[in-house]
Amino acid sequence: MNKKEVDALIRLLEDPDENIFSEVSENLLNKGPDVIPLLEKTWEESMTPAYQERIENIIQQIQFRDVKKDLLQWVETGGEDLLEGAWIVARHQYPDVTYGELSDKIEAISKEVWLELNENLTALEKVKLLNHFFYEVQKFSRNRMNFYAPQNSYINLVLESKKGNPITLAIIYSVVAQKLNMNVYGVNLPKIFLLAYTLNPVNEESSGEPVVLFYINPYNRGAVLGKKEIDQFVKQQKLMVRKSFYLPCSNIEIIQRLLLNLIFSYERLGYPDKIEDLTELLRIVKQE
């Protein structure tokens, strides 16, 4: 990156000619995140509100382009890392959050449980142990007071506050479990999000349908459920029975659900710009 060239372009953002501004903006946008520190420095030094606003808009557009690029790449490569998908979504609102800081927190939780695990434990005993650390030691819980708040859907905030909604608690729980070699995956039920503990790992090499040993409700302190409870829920909600209600879903479907939660939250609050951006991210995940 040519610093002198970028500095010159940034100064041209003050030009009142809209054609010049449009051309300069596009040039800066194409240079990507590397120009953000220079833009931020100029913003701090400026005393002109209109100029600062133009710089802010450029920074936000660069960051959003970067989020879209990374999300598309995540989807196209199969969405293997669920934590990465949740991190990319969080960057839309919190661009400075790093994958490393989220991964470190997950690693710390996993290590606590790993120290108590042993090969002789059954799947049910492993879940009981994980539940103890997740809910009793780490104090993760549902956000009863503000269920629809957007912060419940941002993985960085949930890891910090330990309060979330069904989808974010499920993401953290399953990522921790999988680090501990526990076969725990999301189940995309309407109105609720559960986890399934399967007999074998679910991946591209797996053949046939996974065998589900039991289900876990991460929003209800890791309560263990059987197929009968799923049957009952489907009946109560008057849903048409689908095989997908009983089997693990993909990480891409989980991130779709996360984005839908965020869109719903911002609809309740009345933030059309946020809704528009998140809808664009949702289209990327759905590959529309």
C-alpha atoms as a PDB file:
ATOM      1  CA  MET A   1       0.000   0.000   0.000  1.00  0.00           C
ATOM      2  CA  ASN A   2       1.319   3.423  -1.014  1.00  0.00           C
ATOM      3  CA  LYS A   3       0.797   5.593   2.090  1.00  0.00           C
ATOM      4  CA  LYS A   4       1.280   8.896   0.217  1.00  0.00           C
ATOM      5  CA  GLU A   5      -1.289   7.891  -2.378  1.00  0.00           C
ATOM      6  CA  VAL A   6      -3.805   6.874   0.299  1.00  0.00           C
ATOM      7  CA  ASP A   7      -3.245  10.109   2.245  1.00  0.00           C
ATOM      8  CA  ALA A   8      -3.905  12.093  -0.910  1.00  0.00           C
ATOM      9  CA  LEU A   9      -7.100  10.174  -1.570  1.00  0.00           C
ATOM     10  CA  ILE A  10      -8.299  10.696   1.996  1.00  0.00           C
ATOM     11  CA  ARG A  11      -7.757  14.448   1.700  1.00  0.00           C
ATOM     12  CA  LEU A  12      -9.879  14.446  -1.459  1.00  0.00           C
ATOM     13  CA  LEU A  13     -12.842  13.176   0.567  1.00  0.00           C
ATOM     14  CA  GLU A  14     -13.344  16.801   1.573  1.00  0.00           C
ATOM     15  CA  ASP A  15     -13.930  17.837  -2.041  1.00  0.00           C
ATOM     16  CA  PRO A  16     -17.506  19.177  -2.472  1.00  0.00           C
ATOM     17  CA  ASP A  17     -17.718  17.767  -6.007  1.00  0.00           C
ATOM     18  CA  GLU A  18     -19.859  14.627  -5.722  1.00  0.00           C
ATOM     19  CA  ASN A  19     -18.250  12.999  -8.761  1.00  0.00           C
ATOM     20  CA  ILE A  20     -14.780  13.351  -7.250  1.00  0.00           C
ATOM     21  CA  PHE A  21     -16.042  12.119  -3.870  1.00  0.00           C
ATOM     22  CA  SER A  22     -17.699   9.089  -5.475  1.00  0.00           C
ATOM     23  CA  GLU A  23     -14.546   8.154  -7.418  1.00  0.00           C
ATOM     24  CA  VAL A  24     -12.270   8.626  -4.399  1.00  0.00           C
ATOM     25  CA  SER A  25     -14.617   6.620  -2.169  1.00  0.00           C
ATOM     26  CA  GLU A  26     -14.639   3.682  -4.564  1.00  0.00           C
ATOM     27  CA  ASN A  27     -10.847   3.796  -4.834  1.00  0.00           C
ATOM     28  CA  LEU A  28     -10.480   3.665  -1.046  1.00  0.00           C
ATOM     29  CA  LEU A  29     -13.066   0.903  -0.750  1.00  0.00           C
ATOM     30  CA  ASN A  30     -11.139  -1.217  -3.233  1.00  0.00           C
ATOM     31  CA  LYS A  31      -7.976  -0.907  -1.144  1.00  0.00           C
ATOM     32  CA  GLY A  32      -9.692  -2.775   1.696  1.00  0.00           C
ATOM     33  CA  PRO A  33      -9.070  -2.897   5.467  1.00  0.00           C
ATOM     34  CA  ASP A  34      -5.409  -1.836   5.218  1.00  0.00           C
ATOM     35  CA  VAL A  35      -6.456   1.817   4.795  1.00  0.00           C
ATOM     36  CA  ILE A  36      -8.641   1.885   7.935  1.00  0.00           C
ATOM     37  CA  PRO A  37      -5.834   2.949  10.356  1.00  0.00           C
ATOM     38  CA  LEU A  38      -5.036   5.942   8.108  1.00  0.00           C
ATOM     39  CA  LEU A  39      -8.716   6.846   7.865  1.00  0.00           C
ATOM     40  CA  GLU A  40      -9.087   6.629  11.656  1.00  0.00           C
ATOM     41  CA  LYS A  41      -6.014   8.807  12.184  1.00  0.00           C
ATOM     42  CA  THR A  42      -7.390  11.450   9.810  1.00  0.00           C
ATOM     43  CA  TRP A  43     -10.774  11.323  11.560  1.00  0.00           C
ATOM     44  CA  GLU A  44      -9.103  11.992  14.928  1.00  0.00           C
ATOM     45  CA  GLU A  45      -7.168  14.953  13.544  1.00  0.00           C
ATOM     46  CA  SER A  46     -10.133  16.515  11.748  1.00  0.00           C
ATOM     47  CA  MET A  47     -12.368  19.161  13.291  1.00  0.00           C
ATOM     48  CA  THR A  48     -14.950  19.103  10.479  1.00  0.00           C
ATOM     49  CA  PRO A  49     -18.068  17.035  11.285  1.00  0.00           C
ATOM     50  CA  ALA A  50     -19.066  16.544   7.627  1.00  0.00           C
ATOM     51  CA  TYR A  51     -15.563  15.278   6.775  1.00  0.00           C
ATOM     52  CA  GLN A  52     -15.562  12.979   9.790  1.00  0.00           C
ATOM     53  CA  GLU A  53     -18.941  11.579   8.742  1.00  0.00           C
ATOM     54  CA  ARG A  54     -17.639  10.810   5.257  1.00  0.00           C
ATOM     55  CA  ILE A  55     -14.644   9.005   6.762  1.00  0.00           C
ATOM     56  CA  GLU A  56     -16.899   7.033   9.132  1.00  0.00           C
ATOM     57  CA  ASN A  57     -19.063   5.924   6.219  1.00  0.00           C
ATOM     58  CA  ILE A  58     -16.025   4.775   4.226  1.00  0.00           C
ATOM     59  CA  ILE A  59     -14.701   2.801   7.214  1.00  0.00           C
ATOM     60  CA  GLN A  60     -18.083   1.122   7.752  1.00  0.00           C
ATOM     61  CA  GLN A  61     -18.386   0.212   4.071  1.00  0.00           C
ATOM     62  CA  ILE A  62     -14.872  -1.277   4.027  1.00  0.00           C
ATOM     63  CA  GLN A  63     -15.618  -3.316   7.146  1.00  0.00           C
ATOM     64  CA  PHE A  64     -18.933  -4.549   5.763  1.00  0.00           C
ATOM     65  CA  ARG A  65     -17.340  -5.572   2.469  1.00  0.00           C
ATOM     66  CA  ASP A  66     -14.736  -7.495   4.451  1.00  0.00           C
ATOM     67  CA  VAL A  67     -17.426  -9.259   6.500  1.00  0.00           C
ATOM     68  CA  LYS A  68     -19.316 -10.234   3.329  1.00  0.00           C
ATOM     69  CA  LYS A  69     -16.134 -11.520   1.678  1.00  0.00           C
ATOM     70  CA  ASP A  70     -15.181 -13.639   4.697  1.00  0.00           C
ATOM     71  CA  LEU A  71     -18.725 -14.958   5.145  1.00  0.00           C
ATOM     72  CA  LEU A  72     -18.931 -15.995   1.503  1.00  0.00           C
ATOM     73  CA  GLN A  73     -15.583 -17.761   1.769  1.00  0.00           C
ATOM     74  CA  TRP A  74     -16.742 -19.508   4.970  1.00  0.00           C
ATOM     75  CA  VAL A  75     -19.904 -20.750   3.227  1.00  0.00           C
ATOM     76  CA  GLU A  76     -18.101 -21.812   0.042  1.00  0.00           C
ATOM     77  CA  THR A  77     -15.571 -23.852   2.025  1.00  0.00           C
ATOM     78  CA  GLY A  78     -18.346 -25.741   3.822  1.00  0.00           C
ATOM     79  CA  GLY A  79     -18.721 -23.741   7.038  1.00  0.00           C
ATOM     80  CA  GLU A  80     -16.630 -26.254   8.942  1.00  0.00           C
ATOM     81  CA  ASP A  81     -15.738 -23.973  11.871  1.00  0.00           C
ATOM     82  CA  LEU A  82     -18.959 -22.918  13.619  1.00  0.00           C
ATOM     83  CA  LEU A  83     -17.170 -20.471  15.908  1.00  0.00           C
ATOM     84  CA  GLU A  84     -15.693 -18.745  12.868  1.00  0.00           C
ATOM     85  CA  GLY A  85     -19.146 -18.295  11.354  1.00  0.00           C
ATOM     86  CA  ALA A  86     -20.490 -16.724  14.554  1.00  0.00           C
ATOM     87  CA  TRP A  87     -17.388 -14.514  14.769  1.00  0.00           C
ATOM     88  CA  ILE A  88     -17.857 -13.201  11.220  1.00  0.00           C
ATOM     89  CA  VAL A  89     -21.468 -12.276  12.032  1.00  0.00           C
ATOM     90  CA  ALA A  90     -20.359 -10.492  15.224  1.00  0.00           C
ATOM     91  CA  ARG A  91     -17.861  -8.408  13.243  1.00  0.00           C
ATOM     92  CA  HIS A  92     -20.718  -6.679  11.474  1.00  0.00           C
ATOM     93  CA  GLN A  93     -21.457  -4.868  14.736  1.00  0.00           C
ATOM     94  CA  TYR A  94     -18.098  -5.253  16.503  1.00  0.00           C
ATOM     95  CA  PRO A  95     -15.410  -5.016  13.781  1.00  0.00           C
ATOM     96  CA  ASP A  96     -12.496  -5.084  16.216  1.00  0.00           C
ATOM     97  CA  VAL A  97     -13.341  -8.429  17.814  1.00  0.00           C
ATOM     98  CA  THR A  98     -10.787 -11.089  16.883  1.00  0.00           C
ATOM     99  CA  TYR A  99     -11.216 -14.795  16.342  1.00  0.00           C
ATOM    100  CA  GLY A 100      -8.298 -15.393  18.683  1.00  0.00           C
ATOM    101  CA  GLU A 101      -9.958 -13.806  21.703  1.00  0.00           C
ATOM    102  CA  LEU A 102     -13.108 -15.887  21.194  1.00  0.00           C
ATOM    103  CA  SER A 103     -11.112 -19.063  20.625  1.00  0.00           C
ATOM    104  CA  ASP A 104      -9.087 -18.437  23.795  1.00  0.00           C
ATOM    105  CA  LYS A 105     -12.268 -18.217  25.872  1.00  0.00           C
ATOM    106  CA  ILE A 106     -13.609 -21.430  24.358  1.00  0.00           C
ATOM    107  CA  GLU A 107     -10.265 -23.118  25.002  1.00  0.00           C
ATOM    108  CA  ALA A 108     -10.286 -22.039  28.649  1.00  0.00           C
ATOM    109  CA  ILE A 109     -13.765 -23.505  29.217  1.00  0.00           C
ATOM    110  CA  SER A 110     -12.833 -26.720  27.392  1.00  0.00           C
ATOM    111  CA  LYS A 111      -9.673 -27.156  29.437  1.00  0.00           C
ATOM    112  CA  GLU A 112     -11.626 -26.972  32.710  1.00  0.00           C
ATOM    113  CA  VAL A 113     -13.872 -29.822  31.612  1.00  0.00           C
ATOM    114  CA  TRP A 114     -11.075 -31.839  30.008  1.00  0.00           C
ATOM    115  CA  LEU A 115      -9.216 -32.042  33.309  1.00  0.00           C
ATOM    116  CA  GLU A 116     -12.169 -33.963  34.787  1.00  0.00           C
ATOM    117  CA  LEU A 117     -12.984 -36.169  31.778  1.00  0.00           C
ATOM    118  CA  ASN A 118     -11.911 -39.788  31.477  1.00  0.00           C
ATOM    119  CA  GLU A 119     -12.437 -42.491  28.859  1.00  0.00           C
ATOM    120  CA  ASN A 120     -14.669 -44.580  31.119  1.00  0.00           C
ATOM    121  CA  LEU A 121     -17.473 -42.027  31.235  1.00  0.00           C
ATOM    122  CA  THR A 122     -20.609 -42.685  29.205  1.00  0.00           C
ATOM    123  CA  ALA A 123     -22.005 -40.042  26.828  1.00  0.00           C
ATOM    124  CA  LEU A 124     -24.628 -39.125  29.416  1.00  0.00           C
ATOM    125  CA  GLU A 125     -22.003 -38.796  32.159  1.00  0.00           C
ATOM    126  CA  LYS A 126     -19.885 -36.577  29.925  1.00  0.00           C
ATOM    127  CA  VAL A 127     -22.850 -34.268  29.318  1.00  0.00           C
ATOM    128  CA  LYS A 128     -23.586 -34.153  33.031  1.00  0.00           C
ATOM    129  CA  LEU A 129     -19.975 -33.104  33.672  1.00  0.00           C
ATOM    130  CA  LEU A 130     -20.064 -30.497  30.896  1.00  0.00           C
ATOM    131  CA  ASN A 131     -23.355 -29.139  32.263  1.00  0.00           C
ATOM    132  CA  HIS A 132     -21.768 -28.690  35.681  1.00  0.00           C
ATOM    133  CA  PHE A 133     -18.918 -26.588  34.325  1.00  0.00           C
ATOM    134  CA  PHE A 134     -21.021 -24.746  31.750  1.00  0.00           C
ATOM    135  CA  TYR A 135     -23.907 -23.722  34.024  1.00  0.00           C
ATOM    136  CA  GLU A 136     -22.597 -24.019  37.583  1.00  0.00           C
ATOM    137  CA  VAL A 137     -18.946 -23.000  37.225  1.00  0.00           C
ATOM    138  CA  GLN A 138     -19.007 -20.725  34.160  1.00  0.00           C
ATOM    139  CA  LYS A 139     -22.541 -19.477  34.990  1.00  0.00           C
ATOM    140  CA  PHE A 140     -23.908 -19.461  31.453  1.00  0.00           C
ATOM    141  CA  SER A 141     -27.644 -18.801  31.477  1.00  0.00           C
ATOM    142  CA  ARG A 142     -30.525 -17.540  29.386  1.00  0.00           C
ATOM    143  CA  ASN A 143     -31.199 -13.831  29.281  1.00  0.00           C
ATOM    144  CA  ARG A 144     -34.639 -13.788  30.893  1.00  0.00           C
ATOM    145  CA  MET A 145     -34.813 -10.021  31.373  1.00  0.00           C
ATOM    146  CA  ASN A 146     -34.108  -9.039  27.758  1.00  0.00           C
ATOM    147  CA  PHE A 147     -34.768 -12.060  25.561  1.00  0.00           C
ATOM    148  CA  TYR A 148     -35.092 -10.178  22.246  1.00  0.00           C
ATOM    149  CA  ALA A 149     -32.058  -7.908  22.684  1.00  0.00           C
ATOM    150  CA  PRO A 150     -29.523  -8.082  19.804  1.00  0.00           C
ATOM    151  CA  GLN A 151     -26.652  -8.625  22.249  1.00  0.00           C
ATOM    152  CA  ASN A 152     -27.980 -12.144  22.869  1.00  0.00           C
ATOM    153  CA  SER A 153     -26.988 -13.054  19.302  1.00  0.00           C
ATOM    154  CA  TYR A 154     -23.432 -11.703  19.277  1.00  0.00           C
ATOM    155  CA  ILE A 155     -21.049 -14.463  20.294  1.00  0.00           C
ATOM    156  CA  ASN A 156     -18.427 -12.090  21.735  1.00  0.00           C
ATOM    157  CA  LEU A 157     -20.970 -10.470  24.073  1.00  0.00           C
ATOM    158  CA  VAL A 158     -22.428 -13.805  25.179  1.00  0.00           C
ATOM    159  CA  LEU A 159     -18.971 -15.163  26.003  1.00  0.00           C
ATOM    160  CA  GLU A 160     -18.406 -12.034  28.073  1.00  0.00           C
ATOM    161  CA  SER A 161     -21.779 -11.668  29.836  1.00  0.00           C
ATOM    162  CA  LYS A 162     -22.527 -15.432  30.006  1.00  0.00           C
ATOM    163  CA  LYS A 163     -26.127 -14.640  29.017  1.00  0.00           C
ATOM    164  CA  GLY A 164     -27.594 -15.520  25.640  1.00  0.00           C
ATOM    165  CA  ASN A 165     -30.464 -16.928  23.627  1.00  0.00           C
ATOM    166  CA  PRO A 166     -31.030 -20.569  22.579  1.00  0.00           C
ATOM    167  CA  ILE A 167     -28.887 -20.310  19.446  1.00  0.00           C
ATOM    168  CA  THR A 168     -25.805 -18.617  20.931  1.00  0.00           C
ATOM    169  CA  LEU A 169     -25.799 -20.848  24.010  1.00  0.00           C
ATOM    170  CA  ALA A 170     -26.086 -23.846  21.680  1.00  0.00           C
ATOM    171  CA  ILE A 171     -23.188 -22.612  19.547  1.00  0.00           C
ATOM    172  CA  ILE A 172     -20.876 -22.171  22.540  1.00  0.00           C
ATOM    173  CA  TYR A 173     -21.990 -25.445  24.166  1.00  0.00           C
ATOM    174  CA  SER A 174     -21.479 -27.485  20.969  1.00  0.00           C
ATOM    175  CA  VAL A 175     -18.121 -25.883  20.110  1.00  0.00           C
ATOM    176  CA  VAL A 176     -16.859 -26.671  23.622  1.00  0.00           C
ATOM    177  CA  ALA A 177     -18.257 -30.217  23.437  1.00  0.00           C
ATOM    178  CA  GLN A 178     -16.658 -30.914  20.063  1.00  0.00           C
ATOM    179  CA  LYS A 179     -13.296 -29.709  21.354  1.00  0.00           C
ATOM    180  CA  LEU A 180     -13.673 -32.414  23.982  1.00  0.00           C
ATOM    181  CA  ASN A 181     -14.382 -35.029  21.268  1.00  0.00           C
ATOM    182  CA  MET A 182     -18.070 -35.177  22.160  1.00  0.00           C
ATOM    183  CA  ASN A 183     -20.364 -35.648  19.160  1.00  0.00           C
ATOM    184  CA  VAL A 184     -22.706 -32.744  19.864  1.00  0.00           C
ATOM    185  CA  TYR A 185     -24.406 -30.935  16.961  1.00  0.00           C
ATOM    186  CA  GLY A 186     -27.232 -28.485  16.381  1.00  0.00           C
ATOM    187  CA  VAL A 187     -30.814 -29.530  15.635  1.00  0.00           C
ATOM    188  CA  ASN A 188     -32.791 -26.862  13.793  1.00  0.00           C
ATOM    189  CA  LEU A 189     -36.249 -27.109  15.368  1.00  0.00           C
ATOM    190  CA  PRO A 190     -38.717 -24.233  14.878  1.00  0.00           C
ATOM    191  CA  LYS A 191     -39.155 -21.917  17.903  1.00  0.00           C
ATOM    192  CA  ILE A 192     -36.416 -23.724  19.818  1.00  0.00           C
ATOM    193  CA  PHE A 193     -32.872 -24.845  19.125  1.00  0.00           C
ATOM    194  CA  LEU A 194     -31.593 -28.128  20.520  1.00  0.00           C
ATOM    195  CA  LEU A 195     -28.435 -30.203  20.306  1.00  0.00           C
ATOM    196  CA  ALA A 196     -28.067 -33.876  19.461  1.00  0.00           C
ATOM    197  CA  TYR A 197     -25.466 -36.229  20.916  1.00  0.00           C
ATOM    198  CA  THR A 198     -24.681 -38.753  18.180  1.00  0.00           C
ATOM    199  CA  LEU A 199     -23.000 -42.137  18.301  1.00  0.00           C
ATOM    200  CA  ASN A 200     -20.358 -41.161  15.738  1.00  0.00           C
ATOM    201  CA  PRO A 201     -18.916 -37.843  14.522  1.00  0.00           C
ATOM    202  CA  VAL A 202     -20.933 -36.108  11.809  1.00  0.00           C
ATOM    203  CA  ASN A 203     -18.718 -34.991   8.925  1.00  0.00           C
ATOM    204  CA  GLU A 204     -18.257 -35.301   5.177  1.00  0.00           C
ATOM    205  CA  GLU A 205     -16.753 -38.768   5.559  1.00  0.00           C
ATOM    206  CA  SER A 206     -19.793 -40.064   7.466  1.00  0.00           C
ATOM    207  CA  SER A 207     -22.067 -42.435   5.567  1.00  0.00           C
ATOM    208  CA  GLY A 208     -25.755 -42.814   6.300  1.00  0.00           C
ATOM    209  CA  GLU A 209     -27.865 -40.970   8.851  1.00  0.00           C
ATOM    210  CA  PRO A 210     -26.252 -40.258  12.219  1.00  0.00           C
ATOM    211  CA  VAL A 211     -27.514 -42.270  15.180  1.00  0.00           C
ATOM    212  CA  VAL A 212     -28.801 -39.856  17.838  1.00  0.00           C
ATOM    213  CA  LEU A 213     -28.310 -41.097  21.402  1.00  0.00           C
ATOM    214  CA  PHE A 214     -30.242 -38.226  23.008  1.00  0.00           C
ATOM    215  CA  TYR A 215     -30.937 -34.507  22.764  1.00  0.00           C
ATOM    216  CA  ILE A 216     -29.727 -31.597  24.893  1.00  0.00           C
ATOM    217  CA  ASN A 217     -31.533 -28.320  25.591  1.00  0.00           C
ATOM    218  CA  PRO A 218     -28.752 -25.757  26.169  1.00  0.00           C
ATOM    219  CA  TYR A 219     -31.348 -23.087  26.973  1.00  0.00           C
ATOM    220  CA  ASN A 220     -32.622 -25.190  29.882  1.00  0.00           C
ATOM    221  CA  ARG A 221     -29.331 -25.858  31.672  1.00  0.00           C
ATOM    222  CA  GLY A 222     -28.414 -28.762  29.404  1.00  0.00           C
ATOM    223  CA  ALA A 223     -31.544 -30.826  30.101  1.00  0.00           C
ATOM    224  CA  VAL A 224     -31.386 -34.208  28.373  1.00  0.00           C
ATOM    225  CA  LEU A 225     -34.331 -35.174  26.161  1.00  0.00           C
ATOM    226  CA  GLY A 226     -35.391 -38.219  24.186  1.00  0.00           C
ATOM    227  CA  LYS A 227     -37.206 -38.601  20.874  1.00  0.00           C
ATOM    228  CA  LYS A 228     -40.558 -38.691  22.694  1.00  0.00           C
ATOM    229  CA  GLU A 229     -40.046 -35.131  23.944  1.00  0.00           C
ATOM    230  CA  ILE A 230     -39.352 -33.980  20.372  1.00  0.00           C
ATOM    231  CA  ASP A 231     -42.492 -35.789  19.196  1.00  0.00           C
ATOM    232  CA  GLN A 232     -44.499 -34.056  21.887  1.00  0.00           C
ATOM    233  CA  PHE A 233     -43.089 -30.623  21.036  1.00  0.00           C
ATOM    234  CA  VAL A 234     -43.830 -31.059  17.323  1.00  0.00           C
ATOM    235  CA  LYS A 235     -47.397 -32.124  18.172  1.00  0.00           C
ATOM    236  CA  GLN A 236     -47.938 -29.214  20.579  1.00  0.00           C
ATOM    237  CA  GLN A 237     -46.710 -26.709  17.997  1.00  0.00           C
ATOM    238  CA  LYS A 238     -48.940 -28.343  15.347  1.00  0.00           C
ATOM    239  CA  LEU A 239     -45.985 -28.752  13.016  1.00  0.00           C
ATOM    240  CA  MET A 240     -45.785 -31.098  10.056  1.00  0.00           C
ATOM    241  CA  VAL A 241     -43.278 -33.791  11.031  1.00  0.00           C
ATOM    242  CA  ARG A 242     -39.930 -33.479   9.248  1.00  0.00           C
ATOM    243  CA  LYS A 243     -36.894 -35.709   9.454  1.00  0.00           C
ATOM    244  CA  SER A 244     -34.735 -32.582   9.937  1.00  0.00           C
ATOM    245  CA  PHE A 245     -36.393 -31.973  13.333  1.00  0.00           C
ATOM    246  CA  TYR A 246     -34.621 -35.063  14.667  1.00  0.00           C
ATOM    247  CA  LEU A 247     -31.224 -34.940  12.972  1.00  0.00           C
ATOM    248  CA  PRO A 248     -28.153 -32.677  13.204  1.00  0.00           C
ATOM    249  CA  CYS A 249     -28.170 -29.680  10.882  1.00  0.00           C
ATOM    250  CA  SER A 250     -25.203 -28.017   9.181  1.00  0.00           C
ATOM    251  CA  ASN A 251     -23.179 -25.153  10.641  1.00  0.00           C
ATOM    252  CA  ILE A 252     -24.401 -23.036   7.727  1.00  0.00           C
ATOM    253  CA  GLU A 253     -28.013 -23.597   8.842  1.00  0.00           C
ATOM    254  CA  ILE A 254     -27.051 -22.573  12.384  1.00  0.00           C
ATOM    255  CA  ILE A 255     -25.604 -19.270  11.148  1.00  0.00           C
ATOM    256  CA  GLN A 256     -28.760 -18.719   9.075  1.00  0.00           C
ATOM    257  CA  ARG A 257     -30.759 -19.098  12.274  1.00  0.00           C
ATOM    258  CA  LEU A 258     -28.413 -16.705  14.088  1.00  0.00           C
ATOM    259  CA  LEU A 259     -28.883 -14.050  11.397  1.00  0.00           C
ATOM    260  CA  LEU A 260     -32.669 -14.483  11.451  1.00  0.00           C
ATOM    261  CA  ASN A 261     -32.605 -13.900  15.214  1.00  0.00           C
ATOM    262  CA  LEU A 262     -30.641 -10.678  14.723  1.00  0.00           C
ATOM    263  CA  ILE A 263     -32.959  -9.452  11.971  1.00  0.00           C
ATOM    264  CA  PHE A 264     -35.971 -10.080  14.221  1.00  0.00           C
ATOM    265  CA  SER A 265     -34.288  -8.232  17.105  1.00  0.00           C
ATOM    266  CA  TYR A 266     -33.555  -5.160  14.993  1.00  0.00           C
ATOM    267  CA  GLU A 267     -37.061  -5.230  13.500  1.00  0.00           C
ATOM    268  CA  ARG A 268     -38.465  -4.917  17.010  1.00  0.00           C
ATOM    269  CA  LEU A 269     -36.116  -1.997  17.698  1.00  0.00           C
ATOM    270  CA  GLY A 270     -36.690  -0.296  14.343  1.00  0.00           C
ATOM    271  CA  TYR A 271     -33.207  -0.205  12.778  1.00  0.00           C
ATOM    272  CA  PRO A 272     -33.770  -0.471   8.996  1.00  0.00           C
ATOM    273  CA  ASP A 273     -30.063  -0.075   8.107  1.00  0.00           C
ATOM    274  CA  LYS A 274     -29.101  -2.999  10.342  1.00  0.00           C
ATOM    275  CA  ILE A 275     -31.928  -5.098   8.910  1.00  0.00           C
ATOM    276  CA  GLU A 276     -30.797  -4.354   5.354  1.00  0.00           C
ATOM    277  CA  ASP A 277     -27.178  -5.325   6.076  1.00  0.00           C
ATOM    278  CA  LEU A 278     -28.122  -8.505   7.948  1.00  0.00           C
ATOM    279  CA  THR A 279     -30.564  -9.517   5.211  1.00  0.00           C
ATOM    280  CA  GLU A 280     -27.697  -9.195   2.736  1.00  0.00           C
ATOM    281  CA  LEU A 281     -25.568 -11.462   4.950  1.00  0.00           C
ATOM    282  CA  LEU A 282     -28.448 -13.923   5.183  1.00  0.00           C
ATOM    283  CA  ARG A 283     -28.661 -14.066   1.358  1.00  0.00           C
ATOM    284  CA  ILE A 284     -24.943 -14.918   1.271  1.00  0.00           C
ATOM    285  CA  VAL A 285     -25.418 -17.759   3.760  1.00  0.00           C
ATOM    286  CA  LYS A 286     -28.441 -19.053   1.869  1.00  0.00           C
ATOM    287  CA  GLN A 287     -26.404 -18.693  -1.348  1.00  0.00           C
ATOM    288  CA  GLU A 288     -29.222 -16.798  -3.049  1.00  0.00           C
END
